[in-house]
Amino acid sequence: MSGPSETIGFDDFLKVDVRAGTVVRAEAYPEARKPAIKLWVDFGDELGVRKTSAQLTDHYTPESLLGRQVAAVVNFPAKQIGKFMSEMLVLGFPDARGAVVLLTPDKAIPNGGRLF
């Protein structure tokens, strides 16, 4: 992406439900077209555990993700990714080579906490 996106109103921002959760399970996803990791993230009592896959293998191993808090969009519809159903989108930024660096809170917060 280049340059800033279209200007939106605050109500548009509120439509995107970004929550914090803790990775409770992570596995390699060798069947994926590009190297990826399957993640199960606990978003607390209200949302429970949701799963996704993400191309995180440049900076992370499944073992290094366990217990890590991440930020994710939780109100997208489920999407089939190969043979795996994704139920949310973990968020990250590209490093200088374009590899994903996860967006994480810098202090521990309750699972399910909503970005505002």
PDB file of N, CA and C in Angstrom:
ATOM      1  N   MET A   1       0.836  -1.181   0.000  1.00  0.00           N
ATOM      2  CA  MET A   1       0.000   0.000   0.000  1.00  0.00           C
ATOM      3  C   MET A   1       0.873   1.234   0.000  1.00  0.00           C
ATOM      4  N   SER A   2       0.377   2.263  -0.639  1.00  0.00           N
ATOM      5  CA  SER A   2       1.131   3.503  -0.625  1.00  0.00           C
ATOM      6  C   SER A   2       0.198   4.662  -0.323  1.00  0.00           C
ATOM      7  N   GLY A   3       0.710   5.611   0.416  1.00  0.00           N
ATOM      8  CA  GLY A   3      -0.067   6.792   0.740  1.00  0.00           C
ATOM      9  C   GLY A   3      -1.214   6.498   1.686  1.00  0.00           C
ATOM     10  N   PRO A   4      -1.803   7.563   2.217  1.00  0.00           N
ATOM     11  CA  PRO A   4      -2.920   7.382   3.147  1.00  0.00           C
ATOM     12  C   PRO A   4      -4.178   6.908   2.427  1.00  0.00           C
ATOM     13  N   SER A   5      -5.027   6.221   3.163  1.00  0.00           N
ATOM     14  CA  SER A   5      -6.291   5.727   2.628  1.00  0.00           C
ATOM     15  C   SER A   5      -7.324   6.839   2.616  1.00  0.00           C
ATOM     16  N   GLU A   6      -8.472   6.515   2.070  1.00  0.00           N
ATOM     17  CA  GLU A   6      -9.606   7.430   2.048  1.00  0.00           C
ATOM     18  C   GLU A   6      -9.983   7.829   3.475  1.00  0.00           C
ATOM     19  N   THR A   7     -10.375   9.057   3.682  1.00  0.00           N
ATOM     20  CA  THR A   7     -10.819   9.525   4.985  1.00  0.00           C
ATOM     21  C   THR A   7     -12.143   8.862   5.346  1.00  0.00           C
ATOM     22  N   ILE A   8     -12.243   8.401   6.596  1.00  0.00           N
ATOM     23  CA  ILE A   8     -13.479   7.786   7.073  1.00  0.00           C
ATOM     24  C   ILE A   8     -13.964   8.530   8.308  1.00  0.00           C
ATOM     25  N   GLY A   9     -15.220   8.315   8.651  1.00  0.00           N
ATOM     26  CA  GLY A   9     -15.766   8.890   9.874  1.00  0.00           C
ATOM     27  C   GLY A   9     -15.523   7.966  11.057  1.00  0.00           C
ATOM     28  N   PHE A  10     -15.691   8.509  12.260  1.00  0.00           N
ATOM     29  CA  PHE A  10     -15.478   7.727  13.466  1.00  0.00           C
ATOM     30  C   PHE A  10     -16.422   6.532  13.520  1.00  0.00           C
ATOM     31  N   ASP A  11     -17.650   6.689  13.041  1.00  0.00           N
ATOM     32  CA  ASP A  11     -18.601   5.573  13.020  1.00  0.00           C
ATOM     33  C   ASP A  11     -18.086   4.430  12.151  1.00  0.00           C
ATOM     34  N   ASP A  12     -17.377   4.754  11.060  1.00  0.00           N
ATOM     35  CA  ASP A  12     -16.781   3.707  10.224  1.00  0.00           C
ATOM     36  C   ASP A  12     -15.724   2.942  11.017  1.00  0.00           C
ATOM     37  N   PHE A  13     -14.906   3.667  11.755  1.00  0.00           N
ATOM     38  CA  PHE A  13     -13.869   3.042  12.580  1.00  0.00           C
ATOM     39  C   PHE A  13     -14.487   2.088  13.602  1.00  0.00           C
ATOM     40  N   LEU A  14     -15.592   2.506  14.211  1.00  0.00           N
ATOM     41  CA  LEU A  14     -16.233   1.682  15.233  1.00  0.00           C
ATOM     42  C   LEU A  14     -16.798   0.378  14.680  1.00  0.00           C
ATOM     43  N   LYS A  15     -17.017   0.305  13.375  1.00  0.00           N
ATOM     44  CA  LYS A  15     -17.520  -0.931  12.764  1.00  0.00           C
ATOM     45  C   LYS A  15     -16.482  -2.048  12.801  1.00  0.00           C
ATOM     46  N   VAL A  16     -15.197  -1.688  12.865  1.00  0.00           N
ATOM     47  CA  VAL A  16     -14.127  -2.684  12.896  1.00  0.00           C
ATOM     48  C   VAL A  16     -13.879  -3.065  14.354  1.00  0.00           C
ATOM     49  N   ASP A  17     -14.174  -4.303  14.692  1.00  0.00           N
ATOM     50  CA  ASP A  17     -14.062  -4.784  16.068  1.00  0.00           C
ATOM     51  C   ASP A  17     -12.690  -5.433  16.260  1.00  0.00           C
ATOM     52  N   VAL A  18     -11.748  -4.676  16.813  1.00  0.00           N
ATOM     53  CA  VAL A  18     -10.388  -5.152  17.060  1.00  0.00           C
ATOM     54  C   VAL A  18     -10.275  -5.483  18.540  1.00  0.00           C
ATOM     55  N   ARG A  19      -9.911  -6.742  18.813  1.00  0.00           N
ATOM     56  CA  ARG A  19      -9.812  -7.210  20.193  1.00  0.00           C
ATOM     57  C   ARG A  19      -8.432  -7.794  20.475  1.00  0.00           C
ATOM     58  N   ALA A  20      -8.079  -7.794  21.752  1.00  0.00           N
ATOM     59  CA  ALA A  20      -6.852  -8.448  22.203  1.00  0.00           C
ATOM     60  C   ALA A  20      -7.184  -9.865  22.639  1.00  0.00           C
ATOM     61  N   GLY A  21      -6.287 -10.782  22.340  1.00  0.00           N
ATOM     62  CA  GLY A  21      -6.452 -12.160  22.767  1.00  0.00           C
ATOM     63  C   GLY A  21      -5.099 -12.815  22.951  1.00  0.00           C
ATOM     64  N   THR A  22      -5.106 -13.978  23.571  1.00  0.00           N
ATOM     65  CA  THR A  22      -3.880 -14.711  23.853  1.00  0.00           C
ATOM     66  C   THR A  22      -3.838 -15.987  23.017  1.00  0.00           C
ATOM     67  N   VAL A  23      -2.719 -16.209  22.358  1.00  0.00           N
ATOM     68  CA  VAL A  23      -2.541 -17.425  21.564  1.00  0.00           C
ATOM     69  C   VAL A  23      -2.465 -18.609  22.523  1.00  0.00           C
ATOM     70  N   VAL A  24      -3.408 -19.550  22.359  1.00  0.00           N
ATOM     71  CA  VAL A  24      -3.448 -20.728  23.236  1.00  0.00           C
ATOM     72  C   VAL A  24      -3.016 -22.002  22.516  1.00  0.00           C
ATOM     73  N   ARG A  25      -2.938 -21.938  21.193  1.00  0.00           N
ATOM     74  CA  ARG A  25      -2.482 -23.078  20.394  1.00  0.00           C
ATOM     75  C   ARG A  25      -1.918 -22.536  19.090  1.00  0.00           C
ATOM     76  N   ALA A  26      -0.843 -23.129  18.610  1.00  0.00           N
ATOM     77  CA  ALA A  26      -0.228 -22.725  17.341  1.00  0.00           C
ATOM     78  C   ALA A  26       0.416 -23.949  16.706  1.00  0.00           C
ATOM     79  N   GLU A  27       0.195 -24.106  15.407  1.00  0.00           N
ATOM     80  CA  GLU A  27       0.737 -25.253  14.679  1.00  0.00           C
ATOM     81  C   GLU A  27       1.244 -24.812  13.317  1.00  0.00           C
ATOM     82  N   ALA A  28       2.258 -25.475  12.834  1.00  0.00           N
ATOM     83  CA  ALA A  28       2.704 -25.254  11.460  1.00  0.00           C
ATOM     84  C   ALA A  28       1.554 -25.613  10.515  1.00  0.00           C
ATOM     85  N   TYR A  29       1.513 -24.963   9.374  1.00  0.00           N
ATOM     86  CA  TYR A  29       0.473 -25.220   8.373  1.00  0.00           C
ATOM     87  C   TYR A  29       1.162 -25.564   7.055  1.00  0.00           C
ATOM     88  N   PRO A  30       1.750 -26.771   6.964  1.00  0.00           N
ATOM     89  CA  PRO A  30       2.533 -27.127   5.779  1.00  0.00           C
ATOM     90  C   PRO A  30       1.707 -27.249   4.501  1.00  0.00           C
ATOM     91  N   GLU A  31       0.393 -27.422   4.616  1.00  0.00           N
ATOM     92  CA  GLU A  31      -0.451 -27.542   3.425  1.00  0.00           C
ATOM     93  C   GLU A  31      -0.725 -26.197   2.758  1.00  0.00           C
ATOM     94  N   ALA A  32      -0.431 -25.102   3.427  1.00  0.00           N
ATOM     95  CA  ALA A  32      -0.690 -23.764   2.878  1.00  0.00           C
ATOM     96  C   ALA A  32       0.204 -23.512   1.659  1.00  0.00           C
ATOM     97  N   ARG A  33      -0.301 -22.701   0.718  1.00  0.00           N
ATOM     98  CA  ARG A  33       0.494 -22.363  -0.479  1.00  0.00           C
ATOM     99  C   ARG A  33       1.775 -21.626  -0.107  1.00  0.00           C
ATOM    100  N   LYS A  34       1.684 -20.697   0.850  1.00  0.00           N
ATOM    101  CA  LYS A  34       2.857 -19.989   1.353  1.00  0.00           C
ATOM    102  C   LYS A  34       3.031 -20.406   2.814  1.00  0.00           C
ATOM    103  N   PRO A  35       4.264 -20.449   3.317  1.00  0.00           N
ATOM    104  CA  PRO A  35       4.477 -20.882   4.701  1.00  0.00           C
ATOM    105  C   PRO A  35       3.597 -20.090   5.676  1.00  0.00           C
ATOM    106  N   ALA A  36       2.897 -20.808   6.540  1.00  0.00           N
ATOM    107  CA  ALA A  36       1.952 -20.176   7.461  1.00  0.00           C
ATOM    108  C   ALA A  36       1.893 -20.950   8.767  1.00  0.00           C
ATOM    109  N   ILE A  37       1.237 -20.337   9.746  1.00  0.00           N
ATOM    110  CA  ILE A  37       1.022 -20.938  11.057  1.00  0.00           C
ATOM    111  C   ILE A  37      -0.465 -20.848  11.371  1.00  0.00           C
ATOM    112  N   LYS A  38      -1.036 -21.949  11.863  1.00  0.00           N
ATOM    113  CA  LYS A  38      -2.413 -21.948  12.355  1.00  0.00           C
ATOM    114  C   LYS A  38      -2.397 -21.447  13.793  1.00  0.00           C
ATOM    115  N   LEU A  39      -3.320 -20.547  14.117  1.00  0.00           N
ATOM    116  CA  LEU A  39      -3.399 -19.967  15.455  1.00  0.00           C
ATOM    117  C   LEU A  39      -4.791 -20.145  16.040  1.00  0.00           C
ATOM    118  N   TRP A  40      -4.851 -20.442  17.330  1.00  0.00           N
ATOM    119  CA  TRP A  40      -6.089 -20.422  18.093  1.00  0.00           C
ATOM    120  C   TRP A  40      -5.874 -19.374  19.177  1.00  0.00           C
ATOM    121  N   VAL A  41      -6.768 -18.374  19.210  1.00  0.00           N
ATOM    122  CA  VAL A  41      -6.596 -17.232  20.106  1.00  0.00           C
ATOM    123  C   VAL A  41      -7.803 -17.127  21.037  1.00  0.00           C
ATOM    124  N   ASP A  42      -7.534 -16.996  22.338  1.00  0.00           N
ATOM    125  CA  ASP A  42      -8.584 -16.857  23.347  1.00  0.00           C
ATOM    126  C   ASP A  42      -8.920 -15.380  23.520  1.00  0.00           C
ATOM    127  N   PHE A  43     -10.182 -15.037  23.200  1.00  0.00           N
ATOM    128  CA  PHE A  43     -10.661 -13.660  23.333  1.00  0.00           C
ATOM    129  C   PHE A  43     -11.566 -13.482  24.544  1.00  0.00           C
ATOM    130  N   GLY A  44     -11.461 -14.361  25.524  1.00  0.00           N
ATOM    131  CA  GLY A  44     -12.236 -14.220  26.751  1.00  0.00           C
ATOM    132  C   GLY A  44     -13.614 -14.851  26.653  1.00  0.00           C
ATOM    133  N   ASP A  45     -14.384 -14.698  27.733  1.00  0.00           N
ATOM    134  CA  ASP A  45     -15.677 -15.362  27.855  1.00  0.00           C
ATOM    135  C   ASP A  45     -16.678 -14.955  26.771  1.00  0.00           C
ATOM    136  N   GLU A  46     -16.708 -13.688  26.405  1.00  0.00           N
ATOM    137  CA  GLU A  46     -17.704 -13.210  25.439  1.00  0.00           C
ATOM    138  C   GLU A  46     -17.516 -13.817  24.048  1.00  0.00           C
ATOM    139  N   LEU A  47     -16.274 -13.893  23.571  1.00  0.00           N
ATOM    140  CA  LEU A  47     -15.991 -14.348  22.206  1.00  0.00           C
ATOM    141  C   LEU A  47     -15.397 -15.744  22.137  1.00  0.00           C
ATOM    142  N   GLY A  48     -14.783 -16.206  23.204  1.00  0.00           N
ATOM    143  CA  GLY A  48     -14.190 -17.532  23.222  1.00  0.00           C
ATOM    144  C   GLY A  48     -12.926 -17.633  22.388  1.00  0.00           C
ATOM    145  N   VAL A  49     -12.588 -18.866  22.003  1.00  0.00           N
ATOM    146  CA  VAL A  49     -11.390 -19.140  21.213  1.00  0.00           C
ATOM    147  C   VAL A  49     -11.768 -19.140  19.738  1.00  0.00           C
ATOM    148  N   ARG A  50     -11.002 -18.396  18.945  1.00  0.00           N
ATOM    149  CA  ARG A  50     -11.205 -18.363  17.497  1.00  0.00           C
ATOM    150  C   ARG A  50      -9.891 -18.717  16.817  1.00  0.00           C
ATOM    151  N   LYS A  51     -10.008 -19.215  15.575  1.00  0.00           N
ATOM    152  CA  LYS A  51      -8.809 -19.684  14.873  1.00  0.00           C
ATOM    153  C   LYS A  51      -8.607 -18.924  13.565  1.00  0.00           C
ATOM    154  N   THR A  52      -7.360 -18.957  13.106  1.00  0.00           N
ATOM    155  CA  THR A  52      -6.988 -18.373  11.824  1.00  0.00           C
ATOM    156  C   THR A  52      -5.659 -18.968  11.408  1.00  0.00           C
ATOM    157  N   SER A  53      -5.229 -18.630  10.207  1.00  0.00           N
ATOM    158  CA  SER A  53      -3.864 -18.945   9.790  1.00  0.00           C
ATOM    159  C   SER A  53      -3.247 -17.649   9.291  1.00  0.00           C
ATOM    160  N   ALA A  54      -1.936 -17.559   9.426  1.00  0.00           N
ATOM    161  CA  ALA A  54      -1.254 -16.327   9.035  1.00  0.00           C
ATOM    162  C   ALA A  54       0.167 -16.641   8.592  1.00  0.00           C
ATOM    163  N   GLN A  55       0.656 -15.838   7.653  1.00  0.00           N
ATOM    164  CA  GLN A  55       2.017 -16.003   7.133  1.00  0.00           C
ATOM    165  C   GLN A  55       2.994 -15.289   8.066  1.00  0.00           C
ATOM    166  N   LEU A  56       3.352 -15.982   9.134  1.00  0.00           N
ATOM    167  CA  LEU A  56       4.173 -15.399  10.199  1.00  0.00           C
ATOM    168  C   LEU A  56       5.538 -16.055  10.339  1.00  0.00           C
ATOM    169  N   THR A  57       5.876 -16.981   9.430  1.00  0.00           N
ATOM    170  CA  THR A  57       7.036 -17.846   9.650  1.00  0.00           C
ATOM    171  C   THR A  57       8.385 -17.148   9.551  1.00  0.00           C
ATOM    172  N   ASP A  58       8.439 -15.933   9.020  1.00  0.00           N
ATOM    173  CA  ASP A  58       9.727 -15.227   8.957  1.00  0.00           C
ATOM    174  C   ASP A  58      10.221 -14.817  10.344  1.00  0.00           C
ATOM    175  N   HIS A  59       9.294 -14.447  11.238  1.00  0.00           N
ATOM    176  CA  HIS A  59       9.685 -13.949  12.559  1.00  0.00           C
ATOM    177  C   HIS A  59       9.248 -14.820  13.723  1.00  0.00           C
ATOM    178  N   TYR A  60       8.358 -15.787  13.473  1.00  0.00           N
ATOM    179  CA  TYR A  60       7.776 -16.543  14.572  1.00  0.00           C
ATOM    180  C   TYR A  60       7.773 -18.045  14.275  1.00  0.00           C
ATOM    181  N   THR A  61       7.824 -18.821  15.343  1.00  0.00           N
ATOM    182  CA  THR A  61       7.582 -20.259  15.274  1.00  0.00           C
ATOM    183  C   THR A  61       6.300 -20.511  16.055  1.00  0.00           C
ATOM    184  N   PRO A  62       5.659 -21.651  15.834  1.00  0.00           N
ATOM    185  CA  PRO A  62       4.471 -21.930  16.648  1.00  0.00           C
ATOM    186  C   PRO A  62       4.762 -21.838  18.151  1.00  0.00           C
ATOM    187  N   GLU A  63       5.904 -22.357  18.576  1.00  0.00           N
ATOM    188  CA  GLU A  63       6.252 -22.340  20.002  1.00  0.00           C
ATOM    189  C   GLU A  63       6.418 -20.921  20.538  1.00  0.00           C
ATOM    190  N   SER A  64       6.975 -20.024  19.724  1.00  0.00           N
ATOM    191  CA  SER A  64       7.208 -18.650  20.200  1.00  0.00           C
ATOM    192  C   SER A  64       5.917 -17.843  20.306  1.00  0.00           C
ATOM    193  N   LEU A  65       4.852 -18.335  19.683  1.00  0.00           N
ATOM    194  CA  LEU A  65       3.574 -17.606  19.713  1.00  0.00           C
ATOM    195  C   LEU A  65       2.700 -17.980  20.904  1.00  0.00           C
ATOM    196  N   LEU A  66       2.922 -19.140  21.493  1.00  0.00           N
ATOM    197  CA  LEU A  66       2.108 -19.571  22.627  1.00  0.00           C
ATOM    198  C   LEU A  66       2.208 -18.584  23.782  1.00  0.00           C
ATOM    199  N   GLY A  67       1.062 -18.157  24.281  1.00  0.00           N
ATOM    200  CA  GLY A  67       1.024 -17.222  25.403  1.00  0.00           C
ATOM    201  C   GLY A  67       1.157 -15.761  25.006  1.00  0.00           C
ATOM    202  N   ARG A  68       1.424 -15.485  23.755  1.00  0.00           N
ATOM    203  CA  ARG A  68       1.599 -14.102  23.279  1.00  0.00           C
ATOM    204  C   ARG A  68       0.227 -13.456  23.070  1.00  0.00           C
ATOM    205  N   GLN A  69       0.087 -12.216  23.506  1.00  0.00           N
ATOM    206  CA  GLN A  69      -1.135 -11.476  23.215  1.00  0.00           C
ATOM    207  C   GLN A  69      -1.005 -10.833  21.839  1.00  0.00           C
ATOM    208  N   VAL A  70      -2.113 -10.867  21.095  1.00  0.00           N
ATOM    209  CA  VAL A  70      -2.156 -10.302  19.749  1.00  0.00           C
ATOM    210  C   VAL A  70      -3.418  -9.463  19.609  1.00  0.00           C
ATOM    211  N   ALA A  71      -3.449  -8.656  18.560  1.00  0.00           N
ATOM    212  CA  ALA A  71      -4.643  -7.895  18.202  1.00  0.00           C
ATOM    213  C   ALA A  71      -5.228  -8.517  16.945  1.00  0.00           C
ATOM    214  N   ALA A  72      -6.565  -8.569  16.880  1.00  0.00           N
ATOM    215  CA  ALA A  72      -7.216  -9.191  15.738  1.00  0.00           C
ATOM    216  C   ALA A  72      -8.569  -8.553  15.468  1.00  0.00           C
ATOM    217  N   VAL A  73      -8.959  -8.549  14.198  1.00  0.00           N
ATOM    218  CA  VAL A  73     -10.313  -8.160  13.812  1.00  0.00           C
ATOM    219  C   VAL A  73     -11.176  -9.400  13.997  1.00  0.00           C
ATOM    220  N   VAL A  74     -12.233  -9.269  14.803  1.00  0.00           N
ATOM    221  CA  VAL A  74     -13.049 -10.441  15.127  1.00  0.00           C
ATOM    222  C   VAL A  74     -14.435 -10.412  14.485  1.00  0.00           C
ATOM    223  N   ASN A  75     -14.751  -9.369  13.710  1.00  0.00           N
ATOM    224  CA  ASN A  75     -16.093  -9.316  13.124  1.00  0.00           C
ATOM    225  C   ASN A  75     -16.104  -9.433  11.602  1.00  0.00           C
ATOM    226  N   PHE A  76     -15.085 -10.067  11.032  1.00  0.00           N
ATOM    227  CA  PHE A  76     -15.146 -10.468   9.628  1.00  0.00           C
ATOM    228  C   PHE A  76     -15.901 -11.793   9.549  1.00  0.00           C
ATOM    229  N   PRO A  77     -16.549 -12.091   8.423  1.00  0.00           N
ATOM    230  CA  PRO A  77     -17.155 -13.416   8.283  1.00  0.00           C
ATOM    231  C   PRO A  77     -16.055 -14.475   8.178  1.00  0.00           C
ATOM    232  N   ALA A  78     -16.380 -15.694   8.587  1.00  0.00           N
ATOM    233  CA  ALA A  78     -15.420 -16.801   8.470  1.00  0.00           C
ATOM    234  C   ALA A  78     -15.039 -16.976   7.003  1.00  0.00           C
ATOM    235  N   LYS A  79     -13.778 -17.378   6.771  1.00  0.00           N
ATOM    236  CA  LYS A  79     -13.267 -17.525   5.398  1.00  0.00           C
ATOM    237  C   LYS A  79     -12.467 -18.811   5.293  1.00  0.00           C
ATOM    238  N   GLN A  80     -12.740 -19.577   4.266  1.00  0.00           N
ATOM    239  CA  GLN A  80     -12.000 -20.815   4.022  1.00  0.00           C
ATOM    240  C   GLN A  80     -10.614 -20.472   3.464  1.00  0.00           C
ATOM    241  N   ILE A  81      -9.563 -20.968   4.114  1.00  0.00           N
ATOM    242  CA  ILE A  81      -8.190 -20.784   3.644  1.00  0.00           C
ATOM    243  C   ILE A  81      -7.622 -22.185   3.461  1.00  0.00           C
ATOM    244  N   GLY A  82      -7.645 -22.662   2.224  1.00  0.00           N
ATOM    245  CA  GLY A  82      -7.261 -24.045   1.970  1.00  0.00           C
ATOM    246  C   GLY A  82      -8.251 -24.962   2.658  1.00  0.00           C
ATOM    247  N   LYS A  83      -7.733 -25.870   3.482  1.00  0.00           N
ATOM    248  CA  LYS A  83      -8.601 -26.789   4.223  1.00  0.00           C
ATOM    249  C   LYS A  83      -8.887 -26.290   5.636  1.00  0.00           C
ATOM    250  N   PHE A  84      -8.584 -25.024   5.911  1.00  0.00           N
ATOM    251  CA  PHE A  84      -8.702 -24.465   7.260  1.00  0.00           C
ATOM    252  C   PHE A  84      -9.668 -23.283   7.234  1.00  0.00           C
ATOM    253  N   MET A  85     -10.585 -23.219   8.196  1.00  0.00           N
ATOM    254  CA  MET A  85     -11.552 -22.120   8.274  1.00  0.00           C
ATOM    255  C   MET A  85     -11.011 -21.036   9.192  1.00  0.00           C
ATOM    256  N   SER A  86     -10.830 -19.826   8.652  1.00  0.00           N
ATOM    257  CA  SER A  86     -10.357 -18.692   9.430  1.00  0.00           C
ATOM    258  C   SER A  86     -11.549 -17.941  10.004  1.00  0.00           C
ATOM    259  N   GLU A  87     -11.491 -17.649  11.310  1.00  0.00           N
ATOM    260  CA  GLU A  87     -12.596 -16.995  12.005  1.00  0.00           C
ATOM    261  C   GLU A  87     -12.265 -15.580  12.466  1.00  0.00           C
ATOM    262  N   MET A  88     -11.079 -15.109  12.179  1.00  0.00           N
ATOM    263  CA  MET A  88     -10.664 -13.749  12.547  1.00  0.00           C
ATOM    264  C   MET A  88      -9.387 -13.415  11.799  1.00  0.00           C
ATOM    265  N   LEU A  89      -8.931 -12.180  11.901  1.00  0.00           N
ATOM    266  CA  LEU A  89      -7.730 -11.725  11.208  1.00  0.00           C
ATOM    267  C   LEU A  89      -6.766 -11.128  12.216  1.00  0.00           C
ATOM    268  N   VAL A  90      -5.613 -11.793  12.437  1.00  0.00           N
ATOM    269  CA  VAL A  90      -4.594 -11.193  13.301  1.00  0.00           C
ATOM    270  C   VAL A  90      -3.965 -10.023  12.555  1.00  0.00           C
ATOM    271  N   LEU A  91      -3.558  -9.010  13.303  1.00  0.00           N
ATOM    272  CA  LEU A  91      -3.038  -7.780  12.704  1.00  0.00           C
ATOM    273  C   LEU A  91      -1.534  -7.670  12.869  1.00  0.00           C
ATOM    274  N   GLY A  92      -0.898  -7.100  11.853  1.00  0.00           N
ATOM    275  CA  GLY A  92       0.536  -6.896  11.891  1.00  0.00           C
ATOM    276  C   GLY A  92       0.947  -5.821  10.915  1.00  0.00           C
ATOM    277  N   PHE A  93       2.208  -5.522  10.939  1.00  0.00           N
ATOM    278  CA  PHE A  93       2.810  -4.544  10.036  1.00  0.00           C
ATOM    279  C   PHE A  93       3.918  -5.233   9.252  1.00  0.00           C
ATOM    280  N   PRO A  94       4.207  -4.756   8.031  1.00  0.00           N
ATOM    281  CA  PRO A  94       5.333  -5.323   7.287  1.00  0.00           C
ATOM    282  C   PRO A  94       6.655  -4.749   7.785  1.00  0.00           C
ATOM    283  N   ASP A  95       7.657  -5.615   7.894  1.00  0.00           N
ATOM    284  CA  ASP A  95       8.992  -5.106   8.191  1.00  0.00           C
ATOM    285  C   ASP A  95       9.606  -4.593   6.882  1.00  0.00           C
ATOM    286  N   ALA A  96      10.882  -4.256   6.884  1.00  0.00           N
ATOM    287  CA  ALA A  96      11.531  -3.681   5.694  1.00  0.00           C
ATOM    288  C   ALA A  96      11.517  -4.641   4.502  1.00  0.00           C
ATOM    289  N   ARG A  97      11.399  -5.953   4.756  1.00  0.00           N
ATOM    290  CA  ARG A  97      11.351  -6.945   3.673  1.00  0.00           C
ATOM    291  C   ARG A  97       9.928  -7.377   3.337  1.00  0.00           C
ATOM    292  N   GLY A  98       8.942  -6.838   4.081  1.00  0.00           N
ATOM    293  CA  GLY A  98       7.545  -7.201   3.836  1.00  0.00           C
ATOM    294  C   GLY A  98       7.042  -8.338   4.691  1.00  0.00           C
ATOM    295  N   ALA A  99       7.868  -8.878   5.583  1.00  0.00           N
ATOM    296  CA  ALA A  99       7.438  -9.961   6.475  1.00  0.00           C
ATOM    297  C   ALA A  99       6.586  -9.400   7.611  1.00  0.00           C
ATOM    298  N   VAL A 100       5.623 -10.173   8.067  1.00  0.00           N
ATOM    299  CA  VAL A 100       4.675  -9.705   9.075  1.00  0.00           C
ATOM    300  C   VAL A 100       5.306  -9.652  10.466  1.00  0.00           C
ATOM    301  N   VAL A 101       5.105  -8.508  11.133  1.00  0.00           N
ATOM    302  CA  VAL A 101       5.438  -8.318  12.542  1.00  0.00           C
ATOM    303  C   VAL A 101       4.109  -8.075  13.245  1.00  0.00           C
ATOM    304  N   LEU A 102       3.775  -8.925  14.198  1.00  0.00           N
ATOM    305  CA  LEU A 102       2.472  -8.850  14.852  1.00  0.00           C
ATOM    306  C   LEU A 102       2.283  -7.564  15.644  1.00  0.00           C
ATOM    307  N   LEU A 103       1.046  -7.086  15.645  1.00  0.00           N
ATOM    308  CA  LEU A 103       0.634  -5.956  16.470  1.00  0.00           C
ATOM    309  C   LEU A 103       0.246  -6.525  17.828  1.00  0.00           C
ATOM    310  N   THR A 104       0.939  -6.105  18.874  1.00  0.00           N
ATOM    311  CA  THR A 104       0.699  -6.641  20.213  1.00  0.00           C
ATOM    312  C   THR A 104       0.640  -5.508  21.227  1.00  0.00           C
ATOM    313  N   PRO A 105      -0.163  -5.677  22.297  1.00  0.00           N
ATOM    314  CA  PRO A 105      -0.159  -4.661  23.356  1.00  0.00           C
ATOM    315  C   PRO A 105       1.184  -4.688  24.083  1.00  0.00           C
ATOM    316  N   ASP A 106       1.619  -3.537  24.583  1.00  0.00           N
ATOM    317  CA  ASP A 106       2.916  -3.507  25.268  1.00  0.00           C
ATOM    318  C   ASP A 106       2.803  -3.824  26.758  1.00  0.00           C
ATOM    319  N   LYS A 107       1.589  -3.996  27.255  1.00  0.00           N
ATOM    320  CA  LYS A 107       1.337  -4.456  28.621  1.00  0.00           C
ATOM    321  C   LYS A 107       0.222  -5.492  28.552  1.00  0.00           C
ATOM    322  N   ALA A 108       0.198  -6.422  29.498  1.00  0.00           N
ATOM    323  CA  ALA A 108      -0.848  -7.448  29.524  1.00  0.00           C
ATOM    324  C   ALA A 108      -2.199  -6.799  29.782  1.00  0.00           C
ATOM    325  N   ILE A 109      -3.194  -7.212  29.012  1.00  0.00           N
ATOM    326  CA  ILE A 109      -4.560  -6.716  29.183  1.00  0.00           C
ATOM    327  C   ILE A 109      -5.514  -7.909  29.178  1.00  0.00           C
ATOM    328  N   PRO A 110      -6.732  -7.730  29.671  1.00  0.00           N
ATOM    329  CA  PRO A 110      -7.672  -8.852  29.673  1.00  0.00           C
ATOM    330  C   PRO A 110      -8.007  -9.292  28.242  1.00  0.00           C
ATOM    331  N   ASN A 111      -8.110 -10.604  28.038  1.00  0.00           N
ATOM    332  CA  ASN A 111      -8.525 -11.112  26.736  1.00  0.00           C
ATOM    333  C   ASN A 111      -9.912 -10.568  26.415  1.00  0.00           C
ATOM    334  N   GLY A 112     -10.086 -10.170  25.160  1.00  0.00           N
ATOM    335  CA  GLY A 112     -11.355  -9.612  24.721  1.00  0.00           C
ATOM    336  C   GLY A 112     -11.416  -8.104  24.786  1.00  0.00           C
ATOM    337  N   GLY A 113     -10.386  -7.471  25.352  1.00  0.00           N
ATOM    338  CA  GLY A 113     -10.364  -6.003  25.407  1.00  0.00           C
ATOM    339  C   GLY A 113     -10.456  -5.419  23.995  1.00  0.00           C
ATOM    340  N   ARG A 114     -11.332  -4.429  23.820  1.00  0.00           N
ATOM    341  CA  ARG A 114     -11.573  -3.840  22.501  1.00  0.00           C
ATOM    342  C   ARG A 114     -10.744  -2.586  22.299  1.00  0.00           C
ATOM    343  N   LEU A 115     -10.168  -2.484  21.104  1.00  0.00           N
ATOM    344  CA  LEU A 115      -9.413  -1.293  20.725  1.00  0.00           C
ATOM    345  C   LEU A 115     -10.336  -0.090  20.647  1.00  0.00           C
ATOM    346  N   PHE A 116      -9.885   1.038  21.199  1.00  0.00           N
ATOM    347  CA  PHE A 116     -10.628   2.285  21.050  1.00  0.00           C
ATOM    348  C   PHE A 116      -9.673   3.419  20.869  1.00  0.00           C
TER     349      PHE A 116
END
